């Protein structure tokens, strides 16, 4: 199952969770450009950072030495997805994000969070701390 799938993955960028996270980040950047100017150094920065942090942590974790370390970074990525969900709620409640857009983005963040759970589980399915380089080639 998952073990064989991970062995066929050449890089973290091929994982669906990474692709989805990257696309969500691009959308967040585009949408947050329309937030009020006074939010440029607060909510805009925070929402962008939390969105980008998902893929940043996946990328960094995949370059660590073993599955156990990679899994820790997947956990951090999941925390960033949770942080993003709050920033989306805040943007909606402040009137910067229409309800429909909020619903789509929140749903995407939720989907990514669930995918991160699956990735974390696949990284603990083995008792040995296998080199992730092996899983990535």
N, C-alpha and C. Protein backbone atom coordinates (compact mmCIF):
# COMPACT_ATOMS: atom_id res chain seq x y z
N UNK A 1 0.79 -1.19 0.00
CA UNK A 1 0.00 0.00 0.00
C UNK A 1 0.83 1.26 0.00
N UNK A 2 0.76 2.00 1.09
CA UNK A 2 1.42 3.30 1.18
C UNK A 2 2.94 3.18 1.06
N UNK A 3 3.51 2.13 1.65
CA UNK A 3 4.95 1.93 1.64
C UNK A 3 5.47 1.89 0.21
N UNK A 4 4.82 1.09 -0.63
CA UNK A 4 5.24 0.98 -2.03
C UNK A 4 5.05 2.30 -2.75
N UNK A 5 3.96 3.00 -2.44
CA UNK A 5 3.68 4.29 -3.08
C UNK A 5 4.80 5.28 -2.75
N UNK A 6 5.20 5.37 -1.48
CA UNK A 6 6.28 6.28 -1.07
C UNK A 6 7.58 5.92 -1.79
N UNK A 7 7.84 4.63 -1.98
CA UNK A 7 9.07 4.22 -2.64
C UNK A 7 9.12 4.66 -4.09
N UNK A 8 7.98 4.85 -4.72
CA UNK A 8 7.93 5.28 -6.12
C UNK A 8 8.04 6.80 -6.26
N UNK A 9 7.89 7.52 -5.17
CA UNK A 9 7.92 8.99 -5.21
C UNK A 9 9.37 9.45 -5.32
N UNK A 10 9.64 10.27 -6.33
CA UNK A 10 11.01 10.76 -6.53
C UNK A 10 11.31 11.99 -5.69
N UNK A 11 10.30 12.82 -5.46
CA UNK A 11 10.51 13.99 -4.61
C UNK A 11 9.20 14.35 -3.93
N UNK A 12 9.31 15.12 -2.86
CA UNK A 12 8.13 15.52 -2.10
C UNK A 12 7.17 16.32 -2.97
N UNK A 13 7.71 17.00 -3.98
CA UNK A 13 6.87 17.82 -4.86
C UNK A 13 5.89 16.99 -5.69
N UNK A 14 6.12 15.68 -5.77
CA UNK A 14 5.21 14.80 -6.50
C UNK A 14 4.01 14.37 -5.66
N UNK A 15 4.09 14.57 -4.34
CA UNK A 15 2.99 14.17 -3.47
C UNK A 15 1.78 15.08 -3.68
N UNK A 16 0.59 14.49 -3.72
CA UNK A 16 -0.64 15.28 -3.91
C UNK A 16 -0.80 16.34 -2.83
N UNK A 17 -0.43 16.01 -1.61
CA UNK A 17 -0.57 16.97 -0.51
C UNK A 17 0.31 18.19 -0.75
N UNK A 18 1.50 17.98 -1.32
CA UNK A 18 2.38 19.11 -1.63
C UNK A 18 1.77 19.95 -2.76
N UNK A 19 1.31 19.29 -3.81
CA UNK A 19 0.70 20.01 -4.95
C UNK A 19 -0.51 20.83 -4.49
N UNK A 20 -1.37 20.21 -3.67
CA UNK A 20 -2.55 20.92 -3.15
C UNK A 20 -2.15 22.09 -2.26
N UNK A 21 -1.16 21.86 -1.40
CA UNK A 21 -0.68 22.92 -0.51
C UNK A 21 -0.09 24.09 -1.28
N UNK A 22 0.66 23.78 -2.34
CA UNK A 22 1.26 24.82 -3.16
C UNK A 22 0.18 25.64 -3.88
N UNK A 23 -0.80 24.94 -4.45
CA UNK A 23 -1.90 25.65 -5.13
C UNK A 23 -2.69 26.52 -4.16
N UNK A 24 -2.94 26.00 -2.96
CA UNK A 24 -3.65 26.80 -1.96
C UNK A 24 -2.84 28.05 -1.60
N UNK A 25 -1.53 27.89 -1.46
CA UNK A 25 -0.67 29.03 -1.14
C UNK A 25 -0.73 30.09 -2.24
N UNK A 26 -0.68 29.65 -3.49
CA UNK A 26 -0.78 30.60 -4.61
C UNK A 26 -2.11 31.35 -4.56
N UNK A 27 -3.20 30.64 -4.27
CA UNK A 27 -4.52 31.28 -4.15
C UNK A 27 -4.56 32.28 -3.00
N UNK A 28 -3.98 31.90 -1.87
CA UNK A 28 -3.94 32.79 -0.69
C UNK A 28 -3.17 34.07 -1.03
N UNK A 29 -2.05 33.94 -1.73
CA UNK A 29 -1.28 35.13 -2.12
C UNK A 29 -2.11 36.05 -3.00
N UNK A 30 -2.81 35.47 -3.98
CA UNK A 30 -3.62 36.25 -4.91
C UNK A 30 -4.77 36.95 -4.18
N UNK A 31 -5.48 36.20 -3.36
CA UNK A 31 -6.65 36.72 -2.65
C UNK A 31 -6.25 37.78 -1.61
N UNK A 32 -5.15 37.55 -0.90
CA UNK A 32 -4.75 38.48 0.17
C UNK A 32 -4.24 39.81 -0.38
N UNK A 33 -3.93 39.87 -1.68
CA UNK A 33 -3.55 41.15 -2.31
C UNK A 33 -4.70 42.16 -2.21
N UNK A 34 -5.92 41.64 -2.12
CA UNK A 34 -7.12 42.50 -2.09
C UNK A 34 -7.51 42.92 -0.67
N UNK A 35 -6.79 42.44 0.34
CA UNK A 35 -7.08 42.85 1.71
C UNK A 35 -6.70 44.33 1.86
N UNK A 36 -7.29 45.02 2.85
CA UNK A 36 -6.98 46.44 3.05
C UNK A 36 -5.48 46.69 3.28
N UNK A 37 -5.01 47.84 2.84
CA UNK A 37 -3.59 48.21 2.95
C UNK A 37 -3.09 48.14 4.39
N UNK A 38 -3.95 48.51 5.35
CA UNK A 38 -3.50 48.50 6.75
C UNK A 38 -3.22 47.09 7.28
N UNK A 39 -3.65 46.07 6.54
CA UNK A 39 -3.39 44.68 6.94
C UNK A 39 -2.12 44.11 6.32
N UNK A 40 -1.44 44.92 5.50
CA UNK A 40 -0.27 44.42 4.76
C UNK A 40 0.78 43.80 5.67
N UNK A 41 1.03 44.41 6.82
CA UNK A 41 2.08 43.91 7.71
C UNK A 41 1.55 43.08 8.87
N UNK A 42 0.26 42.78 8.85
CA UNK A 42 -0.27 41.91 9.91
C UNK A 42 -0.97 40.70 9.30
N UNK A 43 -2.26 40.78 9.06
CA UNK A 43 -2.99 39.60 8.60
C UNK A 43 -2.49 39.07 7.25
N UNK A 44 -2.15 39.95 6.33
CA UNK A 44 -1.66 39.50 5.01
C UNK A 44 -0.39 38.65 5.21
N UNK A 45 0.55 39.17 6.00
CA UNK A 45 1.78 38.42 6.27
C UNK A 45 1.49 37.10 6.97
N UNK A 46 0.62 37.13 7.97
CA UNK A 46 0.33 35.93 8.75
C UNK A 46 -0.35 34.85 7.92
N UNK A 47 -1.34 35.23 7.12
CA UNK A 47 -2.08 34.24 6.34
C UNK A 47 -1.18 33.64 5.25
N UNK A 48 -0.33 34.46 4.67
CA UNK A 48 0.61 33.97 3.65
C UNK A 48 1.65 33.04 4.27
N UNK A 49 2.17 33.43 5.42
CA UNK A 49 3.20 32.62 6.08
C UNK A 49 2.64 31.27 6.50
N UNK A 50 1.44 31.25 7.07
CA UNK A 50 0.87 29.97 7.50
C UNK A 50 0.57 29.07 6.30
N UNK A 51 0.12 29.65 5.18
CA UNK A 51 -0.14 28.86 3.98
C UNK A 51 1.16 28.28 3.42
N UNK A 52 2.17 29.13 3.28
CA UNK A 52 3.46 28.68 2.71
C UNK A 52 4.17 27.71 3.63
N UNK A 53 3.93 27.82 4.92
CA UNK A 53 4.60 26.97 5.91
C UNK A 53 4.28 25.48 5.74
N UNK A 54 3.11 25.18 5.19
CA UNK A 54 2.74 23.77 4.97
C UNK A 54 3.77 23.12 4.04
N UNK A 55 3.97 23.70 2.86
CA UNK A 55 4.92 23.12 1.89
C UNK A 55 6.37 23.32 2.31
N UNK A 56 6.66 24.43 2.99
CA UNK A 56 8.02 24.67 3.48
C UNK A 56 8.43 23.53 4.41
N UNK A 57 7.54 23.16 5.32
CA UNK A 57 7.86 22.09 6.27
C UNK A 57 7.92 20.72 5.60
N UNK A 58 7.06 20.48 4.61
CA UNK A 58 7.14 19.22 3.87
C UNK A 58 8.48 19.13 3.14
N UNK A 59 8.89 20.21 2.50
CA UNK A 59 10.16 20.22 1.77
C UNK A 59 11.33 20.03 2.72
N UNK A 60 11.34 20.79 3.82
CA UNK A 60 12.44 20.67 4.78
C UNK A 60 12.48 19.27 5.38
N UNK A 61 11.33 18.76 5.78
CA UNK A 61 11.27 17.43 6.38
C UNK A 61 11.76 16.34 5.45
N UNK A 62 11.46 16.47 4.16
CA UNK A 62 11.88 15.46 3.19
C UNK A 62 13.39 15.46 2.98
N UNK A 63 14.05 16.53 3.38
CA UNK A 63 15.50 16.62 3.25
C UNK A 63 16.23 16.23 4.54
N UNK A 64 15.49 15.81 5.53
CA UNK A 64 16.09 15.34 6.78
C UNK A 64 16.55 13.90 6.61
N UNK A 65 17.16 13.35 7.64
CA UNK A 65 17.81 12.05 7.50
C UNK A 65 16.88 10.85 7.51
N UNK A 66 15.81 10.89 8.25
CA UNK A 66 14.99 9.70 8.35
C UNK A 66 13.51 9.98 8.41
N UNK A 67 12.75 8.89 8.38
CA UNK A 67 11.29 8.97 8.39
C UNK A 67 10.77 9.65 9.66
N UNK A 68 11.43 9.35 10.79
CA UNK A 68 10.98 9.91 12.07
C UNK A 68 11.08 11.44 12.05
N UNK A 69 12.21 11.95 11.55
CA UNK A 69 12.39 13.41 11.46
C UNK A 69 11.41 14.01 10.46
N UNK A 70 11.24 13.34 9.32
CA UNK A 70 10.29 13.81 8.30
C UNK A 70 8.90 13.91 8.92
N UNK A 71 8.52 12.89 9.69
CA UNK A 71 7.20 12.87 10.33
C UNK A 71 7.00 14.07 11.25
N UNK A 72 8.05 14.47 11.98
CA UNK A 72 7.95 15.65 12.86
C UNK A 72 7.60 16.90 12.05
N UNK A 73 8.20 17.03 10.88
CA UNK A 73 7.93 18.19 10.03
C UNK A 73 6.53 18.12 9.42
N UNK A 74 6.04 16.91 9.18
CA UNK A 74 4.66 16.75 8.71
C UNK A 74 3.71 17.25 9.80
N UNK A 75 4.04 16.96 11.06
CA UNK A 75 3.26 17.46 12.19
C UNK A 75 3.25 18.98 12.27
N UNK A 76 4.41 19.59 12.01
CA UNK A 76 4.50 21.05 12.01
C UNK A 76 3.66 21.61 10.86
N UNK A 77 3.72 20.95 9.69
CA UNK A 77 2.92 21.38 8.53
C UNK A 77 1.43 21.33 8.88
N UNK A 78 1.02 20.29 9.60
CA UNK A 78 -0.38 20.15 10.01
C UNK A 78 -0.77 21.30 10.95
N UNK A 79 0.13 21.68 11.84
CA UNK A 79 -0.12 22.82 12.71
C UNK A 79 -0.30 24.11 11.92
N UNK A 80 0.51 24.27 10.88
CA UNK A 80 0.40 25.45 10.01
C UNK A 80 -0.93 25.46 9.27
N UNK A 81 -1.41 24.29 8.86
CA UNK A 81 -2.72 24.20 8.20
C UNK A 81 -3.82 24.63 9.17
N UNK A 82 -3.69 24.26 10.44
CA UNK A 82 -4.65 24.69 11.46
C UNK A 82 -4.61 26.20 11.67
N UNK A 83 -3.40 26.74 11.69
CA UNK A 83 -3.23 28.19 11.83
C UNK A 83 -3.88 28.92 10.65
N UNK A 84 -3.68 28.38 9.46
CA UNK A 84 -4.28 28.96 8.25
C UNK A 84 -5.81 28.97 8.36
N UNK A 85 -6.39 27.89 8.87
CA UNK A 85 -7.85 27.83 9.01
C UNK A 85 -8.35 28.98 9.89
N UNK A 86 -7.61 29.30 10.96
CA UNK A 86 -8.02 30.42 11.80
C UNK A 86 -7.87 31.74 11.07
N UNK A 87 -6.77 31.93 10.36
CA UNK A 87 -6.57 33.18 9.61
C UNK A 87 -7.66 33.39 8.57
N UNK A 88 -8.10 32.30 7.94
CA UNK A 88 -9.21 32.39 6.97
C UNK A 88 -10.49 32.84 7.66
N UNK A 89 -10.79 32.25 8.83
CA UNK A 89 -11.97 32.63 9.60
C UNK A 89 -11.90 34.11 9.99
N UNK A 90 -10.74 34.54 10.45
CA UNK A 90 -10.56 35.93 10.85
C UNK A 90 -10.78 36.86 9.65
N UNK A 91 -10.20 36.51 8.50
CA UNK A 91 -10.36 37.34 7.29
C UNK A 91 -11.84 37.42 6.89
N UNK A 92 -12.55 36.30 7.00
CA UNK A 92 -13.99 36.29 6.67
C UNK A 92 -14.76 37.19 7.64
N UNK A 93 -14.51 37.02 8.94
CA UNK A 93 -15.27 37.77 9.95
C UNK A 93 -14.93 39.26 9.95
N UNK A 94 -13.76 39.62 9.44
CA UNK A 94 -13.40 41.04 9.31
C UNK A 94 -13.95 41.64 8.02
N UNK A 95 -14.56 40.79 7.19
CA UNK A 95 -15.17 41.27 5.95
C UNK A 95 -14.22 41.34 4.77
N UNK A 96 -13.04 40.73 4.89
CA UNK A 96 -12.05 40.76 3.80
C UNK A 96 -12.22 39.60 2.83
N UNK A 97 -12.95 38.58 3.26
CA UNK A 97 -13.08 37.35 2.47
C UNK A 97 -14.56 36.99 2.38
N UNK A 98 -15.11 36.97 1.16
CA UNK A 98 -16.52 36.60 1.01
C UNK A 98 -16.77 35.16 1.50
N UNK A 99 -17.97 34.92 1.98
CA UNK A 99 -18.37 33.62 2.53
C UNK A 99 -18.04 32.46 1.57
N UNK A 100 -18.35 32.63 0.28
CA UNK A 100 -18.14 31.55 -0.70
C UNK A 100 -16.65 31.23 -0.83
N UNK A 101 -15.83 32.27 -0.91
CA UNK A 101 -14.38 32.08 -1.01
C UNK A 101 -13.85 31.42 0.25
N UNK A 102 -14.32 31.89 1.39
CA UNK A 102 -13.93 31.30 2.66
C UNK A 102 -14.22 29.81 2.68
N UNK A 103 -15.44 29.43 2.27
CA UNK A 103 -15.86 28.02 2.29
C UNK A 103 -14.94 27.16 1.43
N UNK A 104 -14.59 27.65 0.24
CA UNK A 104 -13.72 26.89 -0.67
C UNK A 104 -12.31 26.75 -0.08
N UNK A 105 -11.76 27.84 0.41
CA UNK A 105 -10.40 27.82 0.96
C UNK A 105 -10.32 26.99 2.23
N UNK A 106 -11.33 27.14 3.08
CA UNK A 106 -11.37 26.37 4.33
C UNK A 106 -11.46 24.87 4.04
N UNK A 107 -12.28 24.52 3.06
CA UNK A 107 -12.43 23.12 2.65
C UNK A 107 -11.11 22.56 2.12
N UNK A 108 -10.40 23.35 1.35
CA UNK A 108 -9.10 22.93 0.81
C UNK A 108 -8.08 22.75 1.94
N UNK A 109 -8.08 23.67 2.91
CA UNK A 109 -7.17 23.56 4.06
C UNK A 109 -7.49 22.31 4.87
N UNK A 110 -8.78 22.01 5.02
CA UNK A 110 -9.23 20.81 5.74
C UNK A 110 -8.77 19.54 5.02
N UNK A 111 -8.91 19.53 3.71
CA UNK A 111 -8.49 18.38 2.89
C UNK A 111 -6.98 18.15 3.04
N UNK A 112 -6.21 19.22 2.99
CA UNK A 112 -4.75 19.13 3.14
C UNK A 112 -4.40 18.59 4.52
N UNK A 113 -5.10 19.06 5.54
CA UNK A 113 -4.87 18.59 6.91
C UNK A 113 -5.08 17.07 7.01
N UNK A 114 -6.15 16.58 6.38
CA UNK A 114 -6.42 15.13 6.38
C UNK A 114 -5.35 14.37 5.60
N UNK A 115 -4.89 14.94 4.50
CA UNK A 115 -3.83 14.30 3.71
C UNK A 115 -2.52 14.24 4.51
N UNK A 116 -2.26 15.27 5.31
CA UNK A 116 -1.07 15.27 6.16
C UNK A 116 -1.16 14.17 7.21
N UNK A 117 -2.37 13.93 7.74
CA UNK A 117 -2.57 12.81 8.67
C UNK A 117 -2.17 11.50 8.01
N UNK A 118 -2.61 11.31 6.76
CA UNK A 118 -2.29 10.09 6.02
C UNK A 118 -0.80 9.95 5.78
N UNK A 119 -0.15 11.05 5.44
CA UNK A 119 1.30 11.02 5.21
C UNK A 119 2.03 10.68 6.51
N UNK A 120 1.62 11.30 7.61
CA UNK A 120 2.25 11.01 8.91
C UNK A 120 2.10 9.54 9.26
N UNK A 121 0.91 8.99 9.02
CA UNK A 121 0.66 7.57 9.30
C UNK A 121 1.56 6.69 8.44
N UNK A 122 1.72 7.04 7.17
CA UNK A 122 2.56 6.23 6.28
C UNK A 122 4.02 6.26 6.71
N UNK A 123 4.41 7.32 7.39
CA UNK A 123 5.79 7.44 7.85
C UNK A 123 6.03 6.71 9.17
N UNK A 124 4.96 6.25 9.82
CA UNK A 124 5.11 5.50 11.07
C UNK A 124 4.73 4.04 10.90
N UNK A 125 4.37 3.64 9.68
CA UNK A 125 3.97 2.26 9.44
C UNK A 125 5.12 1.27 9.58
N UNK A 126 6.33 1.76 9.69
CA UNK A 126 7.49 0.88 9.84
C UNK A 126 8.16 1.17 11.18
N UNK A 127 8.77 0.15 11.75
CA UNK A 127 9.45 0.33 13.04
C UNK A 127 10.85 0.89 12.87
N UNK A 128 11.41 0.78 11.67
CA UNK A 128 12.77 1.25 11.46
C UNK A 128 12.78 2.67 10.93
N UNK A 129 13.82 3.38 11.27
CA UNK A 129 13.97 4.76 10.80
C UNK A 129 14.71 4.73 9.47
N UNK A 130 13.97 4.42 8.42
CA UNK A 130 14.54 4.28 7.09
C UNK A 130 14.94 5.63 6.52
N UNK A 131 16.00 5.64 5.77
CA UNK A 131 16.47 6.86 5.12
C UNK A 131 15.42 7.36 4.13
N UNK A 132 14.96 8.61 4.28
CA UNK A 132 13.95 9.13 3.36
C UNK A 132 14.51 9.28 1.96
N UNK A 133 15.81 9.42 1.83
CA UNK A 133 16.41 9.52 0.49
C UNK A 133 16.05 8.26 -0.29
N UNK A 134 16.05 7.11 0.38
CA UNK A 134 15.69 5.85 -0.26
C UNK A 134 14.23 5.88 -0.70
N UNK A 135 13.38 6.46 0.13
CA UNK A 135 11.96 6.54 -0.20
C UNK A 135 11.71 7.54 -1.33
N UNK A 136 12.61 8.47 -1.50
CA UNK A 136 12.43 9.51 -2.51
C UNK A 136 13.09 9.18 -3.84
N UNK A 137 13.80 8.05 -3.94
CA UNK A 137 14.46 7.72 -5.22
C UNK A 137 13.92 6.44 -5.82
